[in-house]
Amino acid sequence: MSSAMYERMRTNPKFQELVTRRGRFAWTLAIIVLTMFYGYILTIAFNPTALGRPVAEGSMLTIGVAVELFM
């Protein structure tokens, strides 16, 4: 593609809106993932028994494993 075409795409208002929305969406997802990850790590550090309990009575699956699989 020619540089004139790239320039025309970059100046298009719809393209600018798409870039803005993509950036906002990426930052939102990054904050959600980091919050979940650090929350999980802090739970392990300060209350590990909460994650060591089984999901159901007699189950081998613990809450910690289920939360980690969800993440």
PDB file of N, CA and C in Angstrom:
ATOM      1  N   MET A   1       0.838  -1.176   0.000  1.00  0.00           N
ATOM      2  CA  MET A   1       0.000   0.000   0.000  1.00  0.00           C
ATOM      3  C   MET A   1       0.883   1.239   0.000  1.00  0.00           C
ATOM      4  N   SER A   2       0.370   2.262  -0.555  1.00  0.00           N
ATOM      5  CA  SER A   2       1.147   3.495  -0.632  1.00  0.00           C
ATOM      6  C   SER A   2       1.019   4.275   0.678  1.00  0.00           C
ATOM      7  N   SER A   3       1.967   5.132   0.905  1.00  0.00           N
ATOM      8  CA  SER A   3       1.955   5.933   2.129  1.00  0.00           C
ATOM      9  C   SER A   3       0.790   6.923   2.124  1.00  0.00           C
ATOM     10  N   ALA A   4       0.338   7.325   0.936  1.00  0.00           N
ATOM     11  CA  ALA A   4      -0.826   8.218   0.856  1.00  0.00           C
ATOM     12  C   ALA A   4      -2.075   7.509   1.370  1.00  0.00           C
ATOM     13  N   MET A   5      -2.194   6.240   1.072  1.00  0.00           N
ATOM     14  CA  MET A   5      -3.347   5.484   1.543  1.00  0.00           C
ATOM     15  C   MET A   5      -3.294   5.314   3.061  1.00  0.00           C
ATOM     16  N   TYR A   6      -2.101   5.016   3.599  1.00  0.00           N
ATOM     17  CA  TYR A   6      -1.949   4.913   5.046  1.00  0.00           C
ATOM     18  C   TYR A   6      -2.314   6.233   5.723  1.00  0.00           C
ATOM     19  N   GLU A   7      -1.870   7.311   5.146  1.00  0.00           N
ATOM     20  CA  GLU A   7      -2.167   8.627   5.715  1.00  0.00           C
ATOM     21  C   GLU A   7      -3.664   8.899   5.694  1.00  0.00           C
ATOM     22  N   ARG A   8      -4.326   8.516   4.611  1.00  0.00           N
ATOM     23  CA  ARG A   8      -5.766   8.718   4.507  1.00  0.00           C
ATOM     24  C   ARG A   8      -6.504   7.877   5.553  1.00  0.00           C
ATOM     25  N   MET A   9      -6.015   6.654   5.802  1.00  0.00           N
ATOM     26  CA  MET A   9      -6.637   5.815   6.834  1.00  0.00           C
ATOM     27  C   MET A   9      -6.434   6.416   8.219  1.00  0.00           C
ATOM     28  N   ARG A  10      -5.234   6.894   8.495  1.00  0.00           N
ATOM     29  CA  ARG A  10      -4.938   7.454   9.819  1.00  0.00           C
ATOM     30  C   ARG A  10      -5.744   8.711  10.109  1.00  0.00           C
ATOM     31  N   THR A  11      -6.077   9.473   9.107  1.00  0.00           N
ATOM     32  CA  THR A  11      -6.836  10.711   9.319  1.00  0.00           C
ATOM     33  C   THR A  11      -8.342  10.488   9.313  1.00  0.00           C
ATOM     34  N   ASN A  12      -8.774   9.278   9.001  1.00  0.00           N
ATOM     35  CA  ASN A  12     -10.202   8.973   8.982  1.00  0.00           C
ATOM     36  C   ASN A  12     -10.741   9.003  10.422  1.00  0.00           C
ATOM     37  N   PRO A  13     -11.824   9.749  10.672  1.00  0.00           N
ATOM     38  CA  PRO A  13     -12.381   9.834  12.032  1.00  0.00           C
ATOM     39  C   PRO A  13     -12.845   8.483  12.580  1.00  0.00           C
ATOM     40  N   LYS A  14     -13.361   7.621  11.716  1.00  0.00           N
ATOM     41  CA  LYS A  14     -13.800   6.301  12.186  1.00  0.00           C
ATOM     42  C   LYS A  14     -12.608   5.465  12.655  1.00  0.00           C
ATOM     43  N   PHE A  15     -11.492   5.588  11.966  1.00  0.00           N
ATOM     44  CA  PHE A  15     -10.286   4.873  12.370  1.00  0.00           C
ATOM     45  C   PHE A  15      -9.784   5.392  13.714  1.00  0.00           C
ATOM     46  N   GLN A  16      -9.812   6.702  13.889  1.00  0.00           N
ATOM     47  CA  GLN A  16      -9.384   7.294  15.153  1.00  0.00           C
ATOM     48  C   GLN A  16     -10.274   6.829  16.297  1.00  0.00           C
ATOM     49  N   GLU A  17     -11.575   6.744  16.051  1.00  0.00           N
ATOM     50  CA  GLU A  17     -12.505   6.259  17.068  1.00  0.00           C
ATOM     51  C   GLU A  17     -12.220   4.794  17.401  1.00  0.00           C
ATOM     52  N   LEU A  18     -11.944   3.995  16.378  1.00  0.00           N
ATOM     53  CA  LEU A  18     -11.628   2.592  16.591  1.00  0.00           C
ATOM     54  C   LEU A  18     -10.362   2.432  17.424  1.00  0.00           C
ATOM     55  N   VAL A  19      -9.346   3.210  17.134  1.00  0.00           N
ATOM     56  CA  VAL A  19      -8.098   3.149  17.894  1.00  0.00           C
ATOM     57  C   VAL A  19      -8.335   3.542  19.351  1.00  0.00           C
ATOM     58  N   THR A  20      -9.133   4.569  19.570  1.00  0.00           N
ATOM     59  CA  THR A  20      -9.443   5.010  20.930  1.00  0.00           C
ATOM     60  C   THR A  20     -10.210   3.945  21.698  1.00  0.00           C
ATOM     61  N   ARG A  21     -11.220   3.361  21.063  1.00  0.00           N
ATOM     62  CA  ARG A  21     -12.023   2.322  21.728  1.00  0.00           C
ATOM     63  C   ARG A  21     -11.191   1.085  22.014  1.00  0.00           C
ATOM     64  N   ARG A  22     -10.316   0.720  21.082  1.00  0.00           N
ATOM     65  CA  ARG A  22      -9.451  -0.445  21.279  1.00  0.00           C
ATOM     66  C   ARG A  22      -8.514  -0.231  22.465  1.00  0.00           C
ATOM     67  N   GLY A  23      -7.951   0.945  22.561  1.00  0.00           N
ATOM     68  CA  GLY A  23      -7.053   1.251  23.671  1.00  0.00           C
ATOM     69  C   GLY A  23      -7.774   1.229  25.005  1.00  0.00           C
ATOM     70  N   ARG A  24      -8.959   1.802  25.055  1.00  0.00           N
ATOM     71  CA  ARG A  24      -9.754   1.810  26.284  1.00  0.00           C
ATOM     72  C   ARG A  24     -10.123   0.384  26.693  1.00  0.00           C
ATOM     73  N   PHE A  25     -10.512  -0.428  25.720  1.00  0.00           N
ATOM     74  CA  PHE A  25     -10.868  -1.821  26.000  1.00  0.00           C
ATOM     75  C   PHE A  25      -9.665  -2.605  26.510  1.00  0.00           C
ATOM     76  N   ALA A  26      -8.506  -2.394  25.914  1.00  0.00           N
ATOM     77  CA  ALA A  26      -7.296  -3.100  26.336  1.00  0.00           C
ATOM     78  C   ALA A  26      -6.913  -2.721  27.765  1.00  0.00           C
ATOM     79  N   TRP A  27      -6.998  -1.445  28.101  1.00  0.00           N
ATOM     80  CA  TRP A  27      -6.665  -1.022  29.462  1.00  0.00           C
ATOM     81  C   TRP A  27      -7.671  -1.564  30.464  1.00  0.00           C
ATOM     82  N   THR A  28      -8.931  -1.611  30.105  1.00  0.00           N
ATOM     83  CA  THR A  28      -9.951  -2.160  31.002  1.00  0.00           C
ATOM     84  C   THR A  28      -9.673  -3.630  31.280  1.00  0.00           C
ATOM     85  N   LEU A  29      -9.392  -4.399  30.236  1.00  0.00           N
ATOM     86  CA  LEU A  29      -9.082  -5.816  30.439  1.00  0.00           C
ATOM     87  C   LEU A  29      -7.812  -6.012  31.253  1.00  0.00           C
ATOM     88  N   ALA A  30      -6.811  -5.194  31.016  1.00  0.00           N
ATOM     89  CA  ALA A  30      -5.562  -5.307  31.766  1.00  0.00           C
ATOM     90  C   ALA A  30      -5.789  -5.049  33.249  1.00  0.00           C
ATOM     91  N   ILE A  31      -6.588  -4.051  33.578  1.00  0.00           N
ATOM     92  CA  ILE A  31      -6.874  -3.742  34.982  1.00  0.00           C
ATOM     93  C   ILE A  31      -7.654  -4.871  35.632  1.00  0.00           C
ATOM     94  N   ILE A  32      -8.622  -5.440  34.924  1.00  0.00           N
ATOM     95  CA  ILE A  32      -9.396  -6.548  35.473  1.00  0.00           C
ATOM     96  C   ILE A  32      -8.493  -7.746  35.752  1.00  0.00           C
ATOM     97  N   VAL A  33      -7.656  -8.110  34.807  1.00  0.00           N
ATOM     98  CA  VAL A  33      -6.772  -9.271  34.974  1.00  0.00           C
ATOM     99  C   VAL A  33      -5.776  -9.043  36.107  1.00  0.00           C
ATOM    100  N   LEU A  34      -5.175  -7.873  36.159  1.00  0.00           N
ATOM    101  CA  LEU A  34      -4.208  -7.595  37.216  1.00  0.00           C
ATOM    102  C   LEU A  34      -4.859  -7.570  38.592  1.00  0.00           C
ATOM    103  N   THR A  35      -6.068  -7.028  38.688  1.00  0.00           N
ATOM    104  CA  THR A  35      -6.794  -7.017  39.955  1.00  0.00           C
ATOM    105  C   THR A  35      -7.104  -8.433  40.421  1.00  0.00           C
ATOM    106  N   MET A  36      -7.570  -9.264  39.496  1.00  0.00           N
ATOM    107  CA  MET A  36      -7.856 -10.656  39.859  1.00  0.00           C
ATOM    108  C   MET A  36      -6.589 -11.393  40.275  1.00  0.00           C
ATOM    109  N   PHE A  37      -5.513 -11.211  39.533  1.00  0.00           N
ATOM    110  CA  PHE A  37      -4.271 -11.904  39.830  1.00  0.00           C
ATOM    111  C   PHE A  37      -3.715 -11.491  41.186  1.00  0.00           C
ATOM    112  N   TYR A  38      -3.605 -10.193  41.436  1.00  0.00           N
ATOM    113  CA  TYR A  38      -3.041  -9.745  42.707  1.00  0.00           C
ATOM    114  C   TYR A  38      -3.979 -10.042  43.873  1.00  0.00           C
ATOM    115  N   GLY A  39      -5.274 -10.022  43.647  1.00  0.00           N
ATOM    116  CA  GLY A  39      -6.218 -10.443  44.680  1.00  0.00           C
ATOM    117  C   GLY A  39      -6.022 -11.904  45.049  1.00  0.00           C
ATOM    118  N   TYR A  40      -5.814 -12.730  44.052  1.00  0.00           N
ATOM    119  CA  TYR A  40      -5.565 -14.158  44.286  1.00  0.00           C
ATOM    120  C   TYR A  40      -4.258 -14.350  45.055  1.00  0.00           C
ATOM    121  N   ILE A  41      -3.207 -13.653  44.656  1.00  0.00           N
ATOM    122  CA  ILE A  41      -1.913 -13.769  45.336  1.00  0.00           C
ATOM    123  C   ILE A  41      -2.018 -13.277  46.777  1.00  0.00           C
ATOM    124  N   LEU A  42      -2.723 -12.178  47.010  1.00  0.00           N
ATOM    125  CA  LEU A  42      -2.888 -11.680  48.373  1.00  0.00           C
ATOM    126  C   LEU A  42      -3.717 -12.628  49.230  1.00  0.00           C
ATOM    127  N   THR A  43      -4.700 -13.269  48.631  1.00  0.00           N
ATOM    128  CA  THR A  43      -5.477 -14.265  49.368  1.00  0.00           C
ATOM    129  C   THR A  43      -4.603 -15.445  49.755  1.00  0.00           C
ATOM    130  N   ILE A  44      -3.747 -15.885  48.850  1.00  0.00           N
ATOM    131  CA  ILE A  44      -2.819 -16.971  49.163  1.00  0.00           C
ATOM    132  C   ILE A  44      -1.878 -16.550  50.287  1.00  0.00           C
ATOM    133  N   ALA A  45      -1.427 -15.315  50.266  1.00  0.00           N
ATOM    134  CA  ALA A  45      -0.466 -14.842  51.263  1.00  0.00           C
ATOM    135  C   ALA A  45      -1.088 -14.683  52.642  1.00  0.00           C
ATOM    136  N   PHE A  46      -2.314 -14.152  52.717  1.00  0.00           N
ATOM    137  CA  PHE A  46      -2.887 -13.808  54.005  1.00  0.00           C
ATOM    138  C   PHE A  46      -3.967 -14.767  54.506  1.00  0.00           C
ATOM    139  N   ASN A  47      -4.556 -15.572  53.641  1.00  0.00           N
ATOM    140  CA  ASN A  47      -5.591 -16.508  54.072  1.00  0.00           C
ATOM    141  C   ASN A  47      -5.573 -17.755  53.189  1.00  0.00           C
ATOM    142  N   PRO A  48      -4.511 -18.545  53.249  1.00  0.00           N
ATOM    143  CA  PRO A  48      -4.405 -19.702  52.355  1.00  0.00           C
ATOM    144  C   PRO A  48      -5.438 -20.796  52.643  1.00  0.00           C
ATOM    145  N   THR A  49      -5.940 -20.866  53.865  1.00  0.00           N
ATOM    146  CA  THR A  49      -6.925 -21.919  54.177  1.00  0.00           C
ATOM    147  C   THR A  49      -8.253 -21.686  53.451  1.00  0.00           C
ATOM    148  N   ALA A  50      -8.545 -20.432  53.101  1.00  0.00           N
ATOM    149  CA  ALA A  50      -9.792 -20.141  52.390  1.00  0.00           C
ATOM    150  C   ALA A  50      -9.792 -20.791  51.006  1.00  0.00           C
ATOM    151  N   LEU A  51      -8.627 -20.860  50.376  1.00  0.00           N
ATOM    152  CA  LEU A  51      -8.550 -21.443  49.045  1.00  0.00           C
ATOM    153  C   LEU A  51      -8.307 -22.948  49.074  1.00  0.00           C
ATOM    154  N   GLY A  52      -7.987 -23.478  50.243  1.00  0.00           N
ATOM    155  CA  GLY A  52      -7.705 -24.906  50.360  1.00  0.00           C
ATOM    156  C   GLY A  52      -8.930 -25.758  50.631  1.00  0.00           C
ATOM    157  N   ARG A  53     -10.063 -25.129  50.863  1.00  0.00           N
ATOM    158  CA  ARG A  53     -11.287 -25.892  51.132  1.00  0.00           C
ATOM    159  C   ARG A  53     -11.833 -26.491  49.848  1.00  0.00           C
ATOM    160  N   PRO A  54     -12.438 -27.663  49.940  1.00  0.00           N
ATOM    161  CA  PRO A  54     -13.033 -28.259  48.731  1.00  0.00           C
ATOM    162  C   PRO A  54     -14.272 -27.488  48.277  1.00  0.00           C
ATOM    163  N   VAL A  55     -14.568 -27.572  46.998  1.00  0.00           N
ATOM    164  CA  VAL A  55     -15.729 -26.886  46.430  1.00  0.00           C
ATOM    165  C   VAL A  55     -17.017 -27.486  46.985  1.00  0.00           C
ATOM    166  N   ALA A  56     -17.064 -28.798  47.065  1.00  0.00           N
ATOM    167  CA  ALA A  56     -18.212 -29.502  47.624  1.00  0.00           C
ATOM    168  C   ALA A  56     -17.692 -30.591  48.555  1.00  0.00           C
ATOM    169  N   GLU A  57     -18.530 -31.058  49.441  1.00  0.00           N
ATOM    170  CA  GLU A  57     -18.126 -32.087  50.383  1.00  0.00           C
ATOM    171  C   GLU A  57     -17.742 -33.354  49.624  1.00  0.00           C
ATOM    172  N   GLY A  58     -16.548 -33.873  49.907  1.00  0.00           N
ATOM    173  CA  GLY A  58     -16.053 -35.068  49.251  1.00  0.00           C
ATOM    174  C   GLY A  58     -15.379 -34.798  47.915  1.00  0.00           C
ATOM    175  N   SER A  59     -15.327 -33.563  47.505  1.00  0.00           N
ATOM    176  CA  SER A  59     -14.727 -33.212  46.220  1.00  0.00           C
ATOM    177  C   SER A  59     -13.218 -33.060  46.355  1.00  0.00           C
ATOM    178  N   MET A  60     -12.500 -33.426  45.310  1.00  0.00           N
ATOM    179  CA  MET A  60     -11.046 -33.243  45.302  1.00  0.00           C
ATOM    180  C   MET A  60     -10.673 -31.851  44.777  1.00  0.00           C
ATOM    181  N   LEU A  61     -11.608 -31.162  44.154  1.00  0.00           N
ATOM    182  CA  LEU A  61     -11.370 -29.833  43.592  1.00  0.00           C
ATOM    183  C   LEU A  61     -11.501 -28.796  44.697  1.00  0.00           C
ATOM    184  N   THR A  62     -10.447 -27.986  44.873  1.00  0.00           N
ATOM    185  CA  THR A  62     -10.491 -26.954  45.903  1.00  0.00           C
ATOM    186  C   THR A  62     -10.943 -25.622  45.305  1.00  0.00           C
ATOM    187  N   ILE A  63     -11.317 -24.723  46.188  1.00  0.00           N
ATOM    188  CA  ILE A  63     -11.752 -23.398  45.753  1.00  0.00           C
ATOM    189  C   ILE A  63     -10.618 -22.678  45.029  1.00  0.00           C
ATOM    190  N   GLY A  64      -9.396 -22.837  45.523  1.00  0.00           N
ATOM    191  CA  GLY A  64      -8.245 -22.186  44.901  1.00  0.00           C
ATOM    192  C   GLY A  64      -8.028 -22.637  43.465  1.00  0.00           C
ATOM    193  N   VAL A  65      -8.150 -23.928  43.222  1.00  0.00           N
ATOM    194  CA  VAL A  65      -7.972 -24.453  41.862  1.00  0.00           C
ATOM    195  C   VAL A  65      -9.112 -23.962  40.961  1.00  0.00           C
ATOM    196  N   ALA A  66     -10.329 -23.957  41.489  1.00  0.00           N
ATOM    197  CA  ALA A  66     -11.471 -23.497  40.694  1.00  0.00           C
ATOM    198  C   ALA A  66     -11.324 -22.010  40.330  1.00  0.00           C
ATOM    199  N   VAL A  67     -10.869 -21.200  41.277  1.00  0.00           N
ATOM    200  CA  VAL A  67     -10.671 -19.772  41.001  1.00  0.00           C
ATOM    201  C   VAL A  67      -9.569 -19.586  39.966  1.00  0.00           C
ATOM    202  N   GLU A  68      -8.485 -20.338  40.106  1.00  0.00           N
ATOM    203  CA  GLU A  68      -7.373 -20.221  39.157  1.00  0.00           C
ATOM    204  C   GLU A  68      -7.784 -20.654  37.754  1.00  0.00           C
ATOM    205  N   LEU A  69      -8.575 -21.705  37.651  1.00  0.00           N
ATOM    206  CA  LEU A  69      -9.080 -22.127  36.345  1.00  0.00           C
ATOM    207  C   LEU A  69      -9.984 -21.076  35.735  1.00  0.00           C
ATOM    208  N   PHE A  70     -10.771 -20.413  36.579  1.00  0.00           N
ATOM    209  CA  PHE A  70     -11.640 -19.342  36.103  1.00  0.00           C
ATOM    210  C   PHE A  70     -10.823 -18.187  35.551  1.00  0.00           C
ATOM    211  N   MET A  71      -9.734 -17.872  36.258  1.00  0.00           N
ATOM    212  CA  MET A  71      -8.885 -16.761  35.802  1.00  0.00           C
ATOM    213  C   MET A  71      -8.211 -17.134  34.511  1.00  0.00           C
TER     214      MET A  71
END
